[in-house]
């Protein structure tokens, strides 16, 4: 079955019969003009270059060209081929420190805003990867669960600010616990945690985060800790 990419362009097919009528009328008018001026038996002698068969071939070529152009404008499409494409993305949890020290202005406008800009830049390069967000200070909570909706993730990221978590401090252990917990129920084989902070851990237990699920803890044990620095 033929499908048309631009079916409205098929209106150009109306030019074919219109052009055919014009060519027929022009040929008859030309023949009548010659007959009025020259006797029919003298035409081969007076105008030897006039060949009716050659004119008809030329007219058919013109009509065929216009017909093909009109069909091409319509964009005919036919046939298809199924192709299965397999792509496996990663599950990425980004944990951001929201303690008061993130308001320091050694990075403009401040450390937290620069961290959020870096996260947005990272997410803009993701394709088919799920991303989630954890906010932490003295405690931590899941701000945005794993999602493919990068717009929703961006809104959750915009809501992250200092004071979002009342308890002060920098509990890296709680951040890791919340991040690993975000992978619960996830079937992905590739998981990673990005930890963004500017302070030292205020809780010794961060070195041994609670393992809710052995496979998740193992997959996420090599998390990345990014500490903003002034350039």
N, C-alpha and C. Protein backbone atom coordinates (compact mmCIF):
# COMPACT_ATOMS: atom_id res chain seq x y z
N UNK A 1 0.84 -1.20 0.00
CA UNK A 1 0.00 0.00 0.00
C UNK A 1 0.88 1.25 0.00
N UNK A 2 0.52 2.17 -0.88
CA UNK A 2 1.31 3.40 -1.00
C UNK A 2 0.76 4.46 -0.04
N UNK A 3 1.67 5.07 0.71
CA UNK A 3 1.31 6.19 1.57
C UNK A 3 2.00 7.44 1.05
N UNK A 4 1.36 8.58 1.30
CA UNK A 4 1.89 9.84 0.79
C UNK A 4 2.33 10.72 1.95
N UNK A 5 3.57 11.20 1.86
CA UNK A 5 4.10 12.05 2.91
C UNK A 5 3.45 13.44 2.87
N UNK A 6 3.18 13.95 1.67
CA UNK A 6 2.53 15.25 1.49
C UNK A 6 1.34 15.08 0.55
N UNK A 7 0.25 14.52 1.02
CA UNK A 7 -0.89 14.26 0.12
C UNK A 7 -1.48 15.52 -0.49
N UNK A 8 -1.34 16.65 0.22
CA UNK A 8 -1.89 17.90 -0.33
C UNK A 8 -1.18 18.30 -1.62
N UNK A 9 0.07 17.83 -1.80
CA UNK A 9 0.82 18.20 -3.00
C UNK A 9 0.30 17.49 -4.24
N UNK A 10 -0.55 16.48 -4.06
CA UNK A 10 -1.10 15.77 -5.22
C UNK A 10 -2.06 16.63 -6.03
N UNK A 11 -2.41 17.78 -5.47
CA UNK A 11 -3.23 18.73 -6.24
C UNK A 11 -2.52 19.12 -7.53
N UNK A 12 -1.20 19.01 -7.51
CA UNK A 12 -0.43 19.37 -8.70
C UNK A 12 -0.73 18.45 -9.88
N UNK A 13 -1.35 17.29 -9.62
CA UNK A 13 -1.72 16.38 -10.71
C UNK A 13 -2.74 17.01 -11.65
N UNK A 14 -3.48 18.00 -11.15
CA UNK A 14 -4.45 18.68 -12.00
C UNK A 14 -3.78 19.45 -13.14
N UNK A 15 -2.48 19.70 -12.98
CA UNK A 15 -1.76 20.40 -14.04
C UNK A 15 -1.60 19.51 -15.27
N UNK A 16 -1.60 18.19 -15.08
CA UNK A 16 -1.37 17.29 -16.22
C UNK A 16 -2.48 17.40 -17.26
N UNK A 17 -3.77 17.20 -16.89
CA UNK A 17 -4.81 17.35 -17.92
C UNK A 17 -4.90 18.77 -18.45
N UNK A 18 -4.67 19.74 -17.59
CA UNK A 18 -4.71 21.13 -18.06
C UNK A 18 -3.62 21.39 -19.10
N UNK A 19 -2.41 20.84 -18.84
CA UNK A 19 -1.32 21.00 -19.80
C UNK A 19 -1.61 20.23 -21.09
N UNK A 20 -2.25 19.07 -20.96
CA UNK A 20 -2.59 18.28 -22.16
C UNK A 20 -3.56 19.05 -23.05
N UNK A 21 -4.58 19.65 -22.45
CA UNK A 21 -5.54 20.45 -23.22
C UNK A 21 -4.83 21.61 -23.90
N UNK A 22 -3.91 22.26 -23.19
CA UNK A 22 -3.18 23.39 -23.76
C UNK A 22 -2.32 22.96 -24.95
N UNK A 23 -1.62 21.82 -24.81
CA UNK A 23 -0.76 21.37 -25.90
C UNK A 23 -1.57 20.96 -27.13
N UNK A 24 -2.71 20.31 -26.90
CA UNK A 24 -3.57 19.92 -28.04
C UNK A 24 -4.08 21.16 -28.74
N UNK A 25 -4.55 22.14 -27.96
CA UNK A 25 -5.06 23.38 -28.56
C UNK A 25 -3.95 24.12 -29.31
N UNK A 26 -2.75 24.14 -28.74
CA UNK A 26 -1.64 24.83 -29.41
C UNK A 26 -1.27 24.14 -30.71
N UNK A 27 -1.27 22.80 -30.70
CA UNK A 27 -0.92 22.07 -31.92
C UNK A 27 -1.94 22.31 -33.01
N UNK A 28 -3.22 22.30 -32.65
CA UNK A 28 -4.27 22.53 -33.64
C UNK A 28 -4.21 23.97 -34.17
N UNK A 29 -3.96 24.90 -33.30
CA UNK A 29 -3.86 26.31 -33.74
C UNK A 29 -2.68 26.49 -34.68
N UNK A 30 -1.55 25.85 -34.34
CA UNK A 30 -0.38 25.96 -35.20
C UNK A 30 -0.64 25.33 -36.58
N UNK A 31 -1.30 24.18 -36.57
CA UNK A 31 -1.60 23.50 -37.83
C UNK A 31 -2.56 24.31 -38.69
N UNK A 32 -3.54 24.93 -38.04
CA UNK A 32 -4.51 25.75 -38.78
C UNK A 32 -3.84 26.98 -39.37
N UNK A 33 -2.90 27.58 -38.60
CA UNK A 33 -2.21 28.77 -39.10
C UNK A 33 -1.37 28.43 -40.33
N UNK A 34 -0.69 27.27 -40.28
CA UNK A 34 0.11 26.86 -41.42
C UNK A 34 -0.75 26.54 -42.64
N UNK A 35 -1.90 25.92 -42.39
CA UNK A 35 -2.79 25.57 -43.50
C UNK A 35 -3.35 26.81 -44.17
N UNK A 36 -3.57 27.86 -43.38
CA UNK A 36 -4.11 29.10 -43.96
C UNK A 36 -3.06 29.80 -44.83
N UNK A 37 -1.78 29.59 -44.50
CA UNK A 37 -0.73 30.28 -45.23
C UNK A 37 -0.16 29.46 -46.38
N UNK A 38 -0.09 28.14 -46.17
CA UNK A 38 0.59 27.28 -47.14
C UNK A 38 -0.31 26.10 -47.48
N UNK A 39 -0.33 25.73 -48.72
CA UNK A 39 -1.11 24.56 -49.14
C UNK A 39 -0.51 23.31 -48.51
N UNK A 40 -1.36 22.36 -48.21
CA UNK A 40 -0.92 21.16 -47.50
C UNK A 40 0.15 20.40 -48.27
N UNK A 41 0.05 20.35 -49.62
CA UNK A 41 1.04 19.60 -50.40
C UNK A 41 2.38 20.29 -50.49
N UNK A 42 2.43 21.61 -50.10
CA UNK A 42 3.69 22.35 -50.15
C UNK A 42 4.38 22.43 -48.78
N UNK A 43 3.73 21.96 -47.72
CA UNK A 43 4.32 22.07 -46.38
C UNK A 43 5.68 21.39 -46.26
N UNK A 44 5.86 20.15 -46.78
CA UNK A 44 7.17 19.51 -46.65
C UNK A 44 8.29 20.29 -47.35
N UNK A 45 7.92 21.03 -48.39
CA UNK A 45 8.94 21.78 -49.14
C UNK A 45 9.25 23.11 -48.48
N UNK A 46 8.20 23.82 -48.02
CA UNK A 46 8.39 25.16 -47.45
C UNK A 46 8.95 25.09 -46.03
N UNK A 47 8.40 24.20 -45.20
CA UNK A 47 8.88 24.06 -43.81
C UNK A 47 9.27 22.60 -43.57
N UNK A 48 10.43 22.20 -44.06
CA UNK A 48 10.84 20.78 -43.93
C UNK A 48 11.12 20.36 -42.50
N UNK A 49 11.38 21.32 -41.61
CA UNK A 49 11.72 20.98 -40.22
C UNK A 49 10.49 20.64 -39.39
N UNK A 50 9.30 20.90 -39.91
CA UNK A 50 8.07 20.62 -39.14
C UNK A 50 7.75 19.14 -39.27
N UNK A 51 7.87 18.40 -38.15
CA UNK A 51 7.59 16.96 -38.13
C UNK A 51 6.53 16.71 -37.05
N UNK A 52 5.29 16.42 -37.44
CA UNK A 52 4.21 16.21 -36.46
C UNK A 52 4.53 15.10 -35.46
N UNK A 53 5.19 14.05 -35.91
CA UNK A 53 5.48 12.94 -34.98
C UNK A 53 6.46 13.38 -33.89
N UNK A 54 7.46 14.18 -34.28
CA UNK A 54 8.43 14.67 -33.30
C UNK A 54 7.77 15.61 -32.29
N UNK A 55 6.83 16.40 -32.75
CA UNK A 55 6.11 17.30 -31.84
C UNK A 55 5.26 16.50 -30.85
N UNK A 56 4.64 15.41 -31.34
CA UNK A 56 3.82 14.60 -30.43
C UNK A 56 4.69 13.93 -29.35
N UNK A 57 5.86 13.43 -29.78
CA UNK A 57 6.77 12.81 -28.80
C UNK A 57 7.20 13.82 -27.74
N UNK A 58 7.51 15.04 -28.20
CA UNK A 58 7.93 16.07 -27.26
C UNK A 58 6.81 16.41 -26.29
N UNK A 59 5.57 16.45 -26.80
CA UNK A 59 4.43 16.77 -25.92
C UNK A 59 4.24 15.69 -24.87
N UNK A 60 4.37 14.42 -25.30
CA UNK A 60 4.24 13.33 -24.33
C UNK A 60 5.35 13.37 -23.28
N UNK A 61 6.54 13.72 -23.66
CA UNK A 61 7.64 13.84 -22.71
C UNK A 61 7.38 14.94 -21.69
N UNK A 62 6.85 16.05 -22.15
CA UNK A 62 6.53 17.16 -21.24
C UNK A 62 5.46 16.72 -20.25
N UNK A 63 4.40 16.06 -20.75
CA UNK A 63 3.33 15.59 -19.86
C UNK A 63 3.87 14.57 -18.84
N UNK A 64 4.73 13.66 -19.29
CA UNK A 64 5.31 12.67 -18.38
C UNK A 64 6.17 13.30 -17.31
N UNK A 65 6.93 14.33 -17.70
CA UNK A 65 7.78 15.03 -16.73
C UNK A 65 6.95 15.72 -15.66
N UNK A 66 5.90 16.42 -16.08
CA UNK A 66 5.03 17.10 -15.12
C UNK A 66 4.35 16.09 -14.19
N UNK A 67 3.92 14.95 -14.75
CA UNK A 67 3.28 13.91 -13.94
C UNK A 67 4.24 13.37 -12.88
N UNK A 68 5.48 13.09 -13.27
CA UNK A 68 6.47 12.57 -12.31
C UNK A 68 6.79 13.59 -11.23
N UNK A 69 6.90 14.87 -11.61
CA UNK A 69 7.17 15.91 -10.62
C UNK A 69 6.03 16.03 -9.61
N UNK A 70 4.79 15.95 -10.11
CA UNK A 70 3.63 16.04 -9.20
C UNK A 70 3.61 14.86 -8.22
N UNK A 71 3.91 13.67 -8.72
CA UNK A 71 3.95 12.49 -7.84
C UNK A 71 5.09 12.60 -6.83
N UNK A 72 6.22 13.13 -7.28
CA UNK A 72 7.37 13.27 -6.37
C UNK A 72 7.08 14.26 -5.25
N UNK A 73 6.35 15.33 -5.57
CA UNK A 73 5.97 16.30 -4.54
C UNK A 73 5.11 15.66 -3.46
N UNK A 74 4.31 14.66 -3.84
CA UNK A 74 3.46 13.98 -2.86
C UNK A 74 4.23 13.10 -1.91
N UNK A 75 5.47 12.74 -2.27
CA UNK A 75 6.28 11.90 -1.39
C UNK A 75 5.74 10.50 -1.22
N UNK A 76 5.69 9.71 -2.29
CA UNK A 76 5.16 8.34 -2.17
C UNK A 76 6.05 7.47 -1.28
N UNK A 77 5.42 6.67 -0.43
CA UNK A 77 6.14 5.77 0.48
C UNK A 77 5.45 4.42 0.45
N UNK A 78 6.23 3.37 0.35
CA UNK A 78 5.65 2.04 0.40
C UNK A 78 6.70 1.06 0.94
N UNK A 79 6.19 -0.01 1.51
CA UNK A 79 7.07 -1.01 2.10
C UNK A 79 7.58 -0.57 3.46
N UNK A 80 7.92 -1.52 4.31
CA UNK A 80 8.47 -1.23 5.62
C UNK A 80 9.32 -2.41 6.06
N UNK A 81 10.15 -2.13 7.05
CA UNK A 81 11.01 -3.17 7.59
C UNK A 81 11.09 -3.00 9.09
N UNK A 82 10.73 -4.04 9.84
CA UNK A 82 10.78 -4.00 11.29
C UNK A 82 12.22 -4.23 11.75
N UNK A 83 12.68 -3.41 12.66
CA UNK A 83 14.02 -3.57 13.20
C UNK A 83 13.97 -3.39 14.71
N UNK A 84 14.38 -4.41 15.41
CA UNK A 84 14.37 -4.35 16.87
C UNK A 84 15.69 -3.78 17.37
N UNK A 85 15.59 -2.72 18.15
CA UNK A 85 16.77 -2.05 18.69
C UNK A 85 16.77 -2.21 20.20
N UNK A 86 17.83 -2.77 20.72
CA UNK A 86 17.95 -2.94 22.17
C UNK A 86 18.93 -1.91 22.72
N UNK A 87 18.48 -1.22 23.77
CA UNK A 87 19.35 -0.24 24.41
C UNK A 87 19.13 -0.30 25.91
N UNK A 88 20.20 -0.43 26.64
CA UNK A 88 20.10 -0.53 28.09
C UNK A 88 20.71 0.71 28.71
N UNK A 89 19.90 1.48 29.44
CA UNK A 89 20.37 2.68 30.09
C UNK A 89 20.82 2.39 31.51
N UNK A 90 21.19 3.43 32.21
CA UNK A 90 21.61 3.30 33.60
C UNK A 90 20.60 3.98 34.50
N UNK A 91 20.61 3.59 35.77
CA UNK A 91 19.84 4.27 36.81
C UNK A 91 20.81 5.13 37.60
N UNK A 92 20.56 6.43 37.60
CA UNK A 92 21.49 7.38 38.22
C UNK A 92 20.78 8.16 39.31
N UNK A 93 21.35 8.13 40.51
CA UNK A 93 20.85 8.94 41.63
C UNK A 93 21.86 10.04 41.91
N UNK A 94 21.37 11.27 41.95
CA UNK A 94 22.22 12.42 42.26
C UNK A 94 21.83 12.93 43.64
N UNK A 95 22.77 12.93 44.57
CA UNK A 95 22.54 13.41 45.93
C UNK A 95 23.23 14.75 46.10
N UNK A 96 22.46 15.77 46.50
CA UNK A 96 22.99 17.13 46.62
C UNK A 96 22.94 17.59 48.07
N UNK A 97 24.04 18.13 48.50
CA UNK A 97 24.16 18.69 49.86
C UNK A 97 23.41 20.02 49.92
N UNK A 98 22.52 20.17 50.90
CA UNK A 98 21.77 21.43 51.06
C UNK A 98 22.09 22.09 52.39
N UNK A 99 23.25 21.80 52.96
CA UNK A 99 23.64 22.44 54.23
C UNK A 99 23.94 23.91 53.98
N UNK A 100 24.04 24.69 55.05
CA UNK A 100 24.20 26.14 54.94
C UNK A 100 25.52 26.53 54.27
N UNK A 101 26.52 25.66 54.38
CA UNK A 101 27.80 25.98 53.76
C UNK A 101 27.70 26.07 52.24
N UNK A 102 26.64 25.50 51.66
CA UNK A 102 26.47 25.55 50.21
C UNK A 102 26.06 26.94 49.73
N UNK A 103 25.82 27.86 50.69
CA UNK A 103 25.51 29.25 50.33
C UNK A 103 26.77 30.07 50.13
N UNK A 104 27.92 29.50 50.37
CA UNK A 104 29.18 30.23 50.19
C UNK A 104 29.29 30.73 48.76
N UNK A 105 29.81 31.93 48.61
CA UNK A 105 29.84 32.59 47.29
C UNK A 105 31.22 32.52 46.64
N UNK A 106 32.08 31.57 47.06
CA UNK A 106 33.36 31.43 46.37
C UNK A 106 33.14 30.95 44.94
N UNK A 107 31.99 30.33 44.70
CA UNK A 107 31.53 30.02 43.34
C UNK A 107 30.26 30.83 43.10
N UNK A 108 30.20 31.53 42.00
CA UNK A 108 29.06 32.42 41.73
C UNK A 108 27.93 31.65 41.06
N UNK A 109 26.65 31.93 41.42
CA UNK A 109 26.24 32.84 42.51
C UNK A 109 26.49 32.25 43.90
N UNK A 110 26.41 30.93 44.03
CA UNK A 110 26.83 30.24 45.25
C UNK A 110 27.07 28.78 44.91
N UNK A 111 27.57 28.03 45.89
CA UNK A 111 27.94 26.64 45.62
C UNK A 111 26.74 25.79 45.20
N UNK A 112 25.60 26.00 45.86
CA UNK A 112 24.44 25.18 45.55
C UNK A 112 23.94 25.43 44.13
N UNK A 113 23.85 26.69 43.74
CA UNK A 113 23.37 27.01 42.40
C UNK A 113 24.32 26.50 41.33
N UNK A 114 25.63 26.58 41.59
CA UNK A 114 26.59 26.05 40.63
C UNK A 114 26.46 24.53 40.52
N UNK A 115 26.20 23.88 41.66
CA UNK A 115 26.00 22.43 41.63
C UNK A 115 24.77 22.08 40.82
N UNK A 116 23.70 22.85 40.98
CA UNK A 116 22.46 22.58 40.24
C UNK A 116 22.67 22.81 38.74
N UNK A 117 23.47 23.81 38.39
CA UNK A 117 23.78 24.05 36.98
C UNK A 117 24.54 22.86 36.39
N UNK A 118 25.48 22.33 37.16
CA UNK A 118 26.25 21.17 36.69
C UNK A 118 25.34 19.95 36.50
N UNK A 119 24.37 19.77 37.42
CA UNK A 119 23.45 18.64 37.31
C UNK A 119 22.58 18.80 36.07
N UNK A 120 22.09 20.01 35.82
CA UNK A 120 21.27 20.24 34.62
C UNK A 120 22.06 19.94 33.36
N UNK A 121 23.32 20.33 33.35
CA UNK A 121 24.16 20.06 32.18
C UNK A 121 24.35 18.56 31.99
N UNK A 122 24.51 17.83 33.09
CA UNK A 122 24.65 16.38 33.00
C UNK A 122 23.38 15.73 32.46
N UNK A 123 22.24 16.14 32.99
CA UNK A 123 20.96 15.55 32.58
C UNK A 123 20.68 15.83 31.11
N UNK A 124 21.13 16.98 30.62
CA UNK A 124 20.89 17.32 29.21
C UNK A 124 21.58 16.36 28.26
N UNK A 125 22.56 15.60 28.76
CA UNK A 125 23.28 14.65 27.92
C UNK A 125 22.76 13.22 28.08
N UNK A 126 21.79 13.02 28.96
CA UNK A 126 21.25 11.68 29.17
C UNK A 126 20.26 11.33 28.05
N UNK A 127 20.28 10.09 27.63
CA UNK A 127 19.36 9.60 26.60
C UNK A 127 18.89 8.20 27.00
N UNK A 128 17.67 8.12 27.48
CA UNK A 128 17.12 6.83 27.86
C UNK A 128 17.59 6.33 29.21
N UNK A 129 18.25 7.19 29.99
CA UNK A 129 18.72 6.80 31.31
C UNK A 129 17.77 7.39 32.37
N UNK A 130 17.47 6.61 33.40
CA UNK A 130 16.62 7.10 34.47
C UNK A 130 17.48 7.86 35.48
N UNK A 131 16.91 8.93 36.01
CA UNK A 131 17.65 9.75 36.97
C UNK A 131 16.75 10.08 38.14
N UNK A 132 17.33 10.12 39.34
CA UNK A 132 16.60 10.46 40.55
C UNK A 132 17.40 11.46 41.37
N UNK A 133 16.76 12.06 42.38
CA UNK A 133 17.40 13.14 43.14
C UNK A 133 17.19 12.93 44.63
N UNK A 134 18.27 13.05 45.38
CA UNK A 134 18.24 12.99 46.84
C UNK A 134 18.80 14.30 47.39
N UNK A 135 18.08 14.92 48.31
CA UNK A 135 18.57 16.11 49.00
C UNK A 135 18.97 15.70 50.41
N UNK A 136 20.08 16.23 50.87
CA UNK A 136 20.52 15.85 52.22
C UNK A 136 21.23 17.00 52.91
N UNK A 137 21.17 16.96 54.22
CA UNK A 137 21.93 17.85 55.12
C UNK A 137 22.22 17.00 56.36
N UNK A 138 21.53 17.30 57.49
CA UNK A 138 21.67 16.44 58.66
C UNK A 138 20.94 15.12 58.49
N UNK A 139 19.93 15.10 57.62
CA UNK A 139 19.22 13.89 57.22
C UNK A 139 19.08 13.94 55.70
N UNK A 140 18.44 12.95 55.15
CA UNK A 140 18.28 12.90 53.69
C UNK A 140 16.92 12.35 53.34
N UNK A 141 16.41 12.76 52.18
CA UNK A 141 15.16 12.19 51.69
C UNK A 141 15.17 12.21 50.17
N UNK A 142 14.33 11.37 49.60
CA UNK A 142 14.24 11.25 48.14
C UNK A 142 13.39 12.39 47.60
N UNK A 143 14.04 13.31 46.90
CA UNK A 143 13.34 14.46 46.33
C UNK A 143 12.62 14.09 45.04
N UNK A 144 13.22 13.22 44.25
CA UNK A 144 12.62 12.78 42.97
C UNK A 144 12.99 11.33 42.72
N UNK A 145 12.04 10.43 42.62
CA UNK A 145 12.36 9.03 42.35
C UNK A 145 12.90 8.86 40.93
N UNK A 146 13.44 7.69 40.65
CA UNK A 146 13.98 7.42 39.32
C UNK A 146 12.91 7.65 38.25
N UNK A 147 13.27 8.41 37.23
CA UNK A 147 12.30 8.75 36.20
C UNK A 147 13.00 9.00 34.88
N UNK A 148 12.24 8.83 33.80
CA UNK A 148 12.71 9.22 32.46
C UNK A 148 12.20 10.60 32.07
N UNK A 149 11.37 11.18 32.94
CA UNK A 149 10.81 12.51 32.69
C UNK A 149 11.81 13.55 33.19
N UNK A 150 12.68 13.99 32.29
CA UNK A 150 13.71 14.95 32.69
C UNK A 150 13.12 16.31 33.04
N UNK A 151 11.95 16.62 32.50
CA UNK A 151 11.29 17.87 32.87
C UNK A 151 10.87 17.85 34.32
N UNK A 152 10.26 16.74 34.76
CA UNK A 152 9.86 16.62 36.15
C UNK A 152 11.08 16.63 37.07
N UNK A 153 12.15 15.98 36.63
CA UNK A 153 13.37 15.99 37.43
C UNK A 153 13.89 17.43 37.58
N UNK A 154 13.83 18.20 36.49
CA UNK A 154 14.30 19.59 36.55
C UNK A 154 13.49 20.42 37.53
N UNK A 155 12.17 20.18 37.59
CA UNK A 155 11.34 20.91 38.55
C UNK A 155 11.71 20.54 39.98
N UNK A 156 11.98 19.26 40.23
CA UNK A 156 12.40 18.84 41.58
C UNK A 156 13.75 19.44 41.92
N UNK A 157 14.64 19.53 40.94
CA UNK A 157 15.95 20.12 41.19
C UNK A 157 15.83 21.60 41.52
N UNK A 158 14.93 22.30 40.83
CA UNK A 158 14.75 23.73 41.10
C UNK A 158 14.24 23.97 42.52
N UNK A 159 13.52 23.00 43.07
CA UNK A 159 12.96 23.16 44.42
C UNK A 159 13.98 22.92 45.51
N UNK A 160 15.14 22.40 45.15
CA UNK A 160 16.19 22.13 46.15
C UNK A 160 16.84 23.44 46.56
N UNK A 161 16.87 23.71 47.85
CA UNK A 161 17.48 24.93 48.36
C UNK A 161 17.93 24.70 49.79
N UNK A 162 18.81 25.57 50.25
CA UNK A 162 19.28 25.50 51.64
C UNK A 162 18.10 25.76 52.57
N UNK A 163 17.96 24.94 53.60
CA UNK A 163 16.83 25.04 54.51
C UNK A 163 15.72 24.08 54.17
N UNK A 164 15.85 23.38 53.03
CA UNK A 164 14.84 22.40 52.66
C UNK A 164 14.76 21.30 53.72
N UNK A 165 15.92 20.97 54.32
CA UNK A 165 15.98 19.99 55.40
C UNK A 165 16.30 20.74 56.68
N UNK A 166 15.41 20.75 57.66
CA UNK A 166 15.60 21.55 58.88
C UNK A 166 16.86 21.18 59.66
N UNK A 167 17.20 19.91 59.71
CA UNK A 167 18.35 19.48 60.51
C UNK A 167 19.64 19.80 59.78
N UNK A 168 20.52 20.56 60.43
CA UNK A 168 21.78 20.94 59.82
C UNK A 168 22.79 19.82 59.85
N UNK A 169 23.92 20.07 59.20
CA UNK A 169 24.98 19.08 59.17
C UNK A 169 25.17 18.50 57.79
N UNK A 170 26.05 17.52 57.71
CA UNK A 170 26.32 16.84 56.45
C UNK A 170 26.38 15.34 56.71
N UNK A 171 25.26 14.68 56.57
CA UNK A 171 25.16 13.25 56.85
C UNK A 171 25.32 12.46 55.56
N UNK A 172 26.56 12.15 55.23
CA UNK A 172 26.81 11.40 53.99
C UNK A 172 26.23 10.00 54.07
N UNK A 173 26.25 9.41 55.28
CA UNK A 173 25.69 8.08 55.43
C UNK A 173 24.21 8.06 55.11
N UNK A 174 23.48 9.07 55.62
CA UNK A 174 22.05 9.15 55.33
C UNK A 174 21.81 9.37 53.84
N UNK A 175 22.68 10.16 53.20
CA UNK A 175 22.55 10.41 51.77
C UNK A 175 22.74 9.12 50.98
N UNK A 176 23.72 8.33 51.37
CA UNK A 176 23.95 7.06 50.68
C UNK A 176 22.81 6.08 50.94
N UNK A 177 22.30 6.05 52.17
CA UNK A 177 21.17 5.17 52.48
C UNK A 177 19.96 5.52 51.61
N UNK A 178 19.65 6.83 51.53
CA UNK A 178 18.50 7.26 50.73
C UNK A 178 18.72 6.97 49.25
N UNK A 179 19.96 7.12 48.79
CA UNK A 179 20.26 6.88 47.38
C UNK A 179 20.14 5.39 47.05
N UNK A 180 20.69 4.55 47.91
CA UNK A 180 20.59 3.11 47.67
C UNK A 180 19.13 2.66 47.76
N UNK A 181 18.40 3.26 48.71
CA UNK A 181 16.99 2.92 48.83
C UNK A 181 16.18 3.29 47.61
N UNK A 182 16.63 4.30 46.87
CA UNK A 182 15.91 4.72 45.66
C UNK A 182 15.98 3.67 44.57
N UNK A 183 16.94 2.74 44.68
CA UNK A 183 17.05 1.68 43.69
C UNK A 183 16.16 0.49 44.01
N UNK A 184 15.49 0.50 45.16
CA UNK A 184 14.63 -0.62 45.54
C UNK A 184 13.56 -0.84 44.46
N UNK A 185 13.44 -2.08 44.02
CA UNK A 185 12.45 -2.41 42.99
C UNK A 185 12.95 -2.15 41.59
N UNK A 186 14.13 -1.57 41.45
CA UNK A 186 14.68 -1.31 40.12
C UNK A 186 15.28 -2.59 39.55
N UNK A 187 15.02 -2.85 38.27
CA UNK A 187 15.53 -4.04 37.62
C UNK A 187 16.78 -3.75 36.79
N UNK A 188 17.22 -2.50 36.82
CA UNK A 188 18.39 -2.14 36.04
C UNK A 188 19.66 -2.78 36.57
N UNK A 189 20.57 -3.16 35.68
CA UNK A 189 21.83 -3.77 36.07
C UNK A 189 22.93 -2.74 36.26
N UNK A 190 22.73 -1.55 35.72
CA UNK A 190 23.75 -0.51 35.79
C UNK A 190 23.21 0.64 36.64
N UNK A 191 23.81 0.82 37.80
CA UNK A 191 23.35 1.83 38.73
C UNK A 191 24.54 2.63 39.24
N UNK A 192 24.31 3.90 39.50
CA UNK A 192 25.39 4.77 39.96
C UNK A 192 24.83 5.86 40.85
N UNK A 193 25.68 6.36 41.73
CA UNK A 193 25.32 7.47 42.62
C UNK A 193 26.35 8.57 42.43
N UNK A 194 25.88 9.79 42.26
CA UNK A 194 26.75 10.97 42.24
C UNK A 194 26.44 11.77 43.50
N UNK A 195 27.45 11.95 44.34
CA UNK A 195 27.28 12.65 45.62
C UNK A 195 27.96 14.01 45.51
N UNK A 196 27.19 15.07 45.64
CA UNK A 196 27.72 16.43 45.52
C UNK A 196 27.67 17.09 46.89
N UNK A 197 28.83 17.43 47.45
CA UNK A 197 28.90 18.03 48.78
C UNK A 197 30.14 18.89 48.89
N UNK A 198 30.16 19.79 49.85
CA UNK A 198 31.32 20.64 50.08
C UNK A 198 31.87 20.47 51.49
N UNK A 199 31.33 19.52 52.25
CA UNK A 199 31.73 19.38 53.64
C UNK A 199 32.17 17.98 53.98
N UNK A 200 32.69 17.83 55.17
CA UNK A 200 33.08 16.52 55.68
C UNK A 200 31.87 15.85 56.30
N UNK A 201 31.94 14.53 56.35
CA UNK A 201 30.86 13.76 56.95
C UNK A 201 30.78 14.04 58.45
N UNK A 202 29.59 14.32 58.94
CA UNK A 202 29.37 14.56 60.37
C UNK A 202 28.87 13.32 61.08
N UNK A 203 28.77 12.21 60.34
CA UNK A 203 28.32 10.96 60.94
C UNK A 203 29.25 9.85 60.50
N UNK A 204 29.86 9.18 61.45
CA UNK A 204 30.85 8.16 61.12
C UNK A 204 30.24 7.02 60.34
N UNK A 205 28.93 6.79 60.46
CA UNK A 205 28.31 5.65 59.81
C UNK A 205 28.26 5.78 58.30
N UNK A 206 28.65 6.96 57.77
CA UNK A 206 28.63 7.12 56.31
C UNK A 206 29.62 6.18 55.64
N UNK A 207 30.64 5.73 56.42
CA UNK A 207 31.62 4.83 55.82
C UNK A 207 31.06 3.43 55.63
N UNK A 208 29.99 3.11 56.33
CA UNK A 208 29.35 1.80 56.17
C UNK A 208 27.87 1.99 56.03
N UNK A 209 27.41 2.46 54.88
CA UNK A 209 25.99 2.71 54.68
C UNK A 209 25.17 1.45 54.84
N UNK A 210 23.99 1.62 55.38
CA UNK A 210 23.09 0.50 55.61
C UNK A 210 22.74 -0.15 54.29
N UNK A 211 22.92 -1.49 54.20
CA UNK A 211 22.71 -2.19 52.93
C UNK A 211 21.30 -2.74 52.89
N UNK A 212 20.43 -2.01 52.23
CA UNK A 212 19.06 -2.48 52.09
C UNK A 212 18.99 -3.66 51.13
N UNK A 213 19.89 -3.64 50.14
CA UNK A 213 19.89 -4.71 49.16
C UNK A 213 21.34 -4.94 48.75
N UNK A 214 21.89 -6.15 48.94
CA UNK A 214 23.31 -6.38 48.67
C UNK A 214 23.73 -5.98 47.27
N UNK A 215 22.94 -6.33 46.26
CA UNK A 215 23.34 -6.03 44.88
C UNK A 215 23.39 -4.53 44.65
N UNK A 216 22.40 -3.80 45.22
CA UNK A 216 22.39 -2.34 45.04
C UNK A 216 23.56 -1.72 45.76
N UNK A 217 23.85 -2.17 46.98
CA UNK A 217 24.95 -1.60 47.74
C UNK A 217 26.27 -1.84 47.02
N UNK A 218 26.40 -3.02 46.43
CA UNK A 218 27.62 -3.34 45.71
C UNK A 218 27.76 -2.48 44.47
N UNK A 219 26.63 -2.31 43.75
CA UNK A 219 26.67 -1.53 42.51
C UNK A 219 26.95 -0.07 42.77
N UNK A 220 26.54 0.42 43.95
CA UNK A 220 26.64 1.85 44.23
C UNK A 220 27.78 2.18 45.17
N UNK A 221 28.59 1.19 45.52
CA UNK A 221 29.62 1.44 46.51
C UNK A 221 30.68 2.41 46.00
N UNK A 222 30.82 2.49 44.68
CA UNK A 222 31.82 3.40 44.12
C UNK A 222 31.12 4.67 43.66
N UNK A 223 30.58 5.40 44.61
CA UNK A 223 29.89 6.65 44.28
C UNK A 223 30.91 7.75 44.06
N UNK A 224 30.43 8.83 43.45
CA UNK A 224 31.31 9.97 43.17
C UNK A 224 30.97 11.10 44.11
N UNK A 225 31.97 11.62 44.77
CA UNK A 225 31.76 12.76 45.68
C UNK A 225 32.38 13.99 45.04
N UNK A 226 31.53 14.95 44.71
CA UNK A 226 32.00 16.17 44.05
C UNK A 226 31.95 17.32 45.05
N UNK A 227 33.08 17.95 45.25
CA UNK A 227 33.16 19.06 46.18
C UNK A 227 33.44 20.33 45.40
N UNK A 228 32.52 21.31 45.40
CA UNK A 228 32.75 22.54 44.65
C UNK A 228 33.99 23.27 45.13
N UNK A 229 34.75 23.78 44.19
CA UNK A 229 35.95 24.56 44.51
C UNK A 229 35.94 25.81 43.66
N UNK A 230 36.49 26.84 44.21
CA UNK A 230 36.60 28.10 43.45
C UNK A 230 37.67 27.95 42.40
N UNK A 231 37.37 28.49 41.22
CA UNK A 231 38.35 28.41 40.13
C UNK A 231 39.37 29.55 40.24
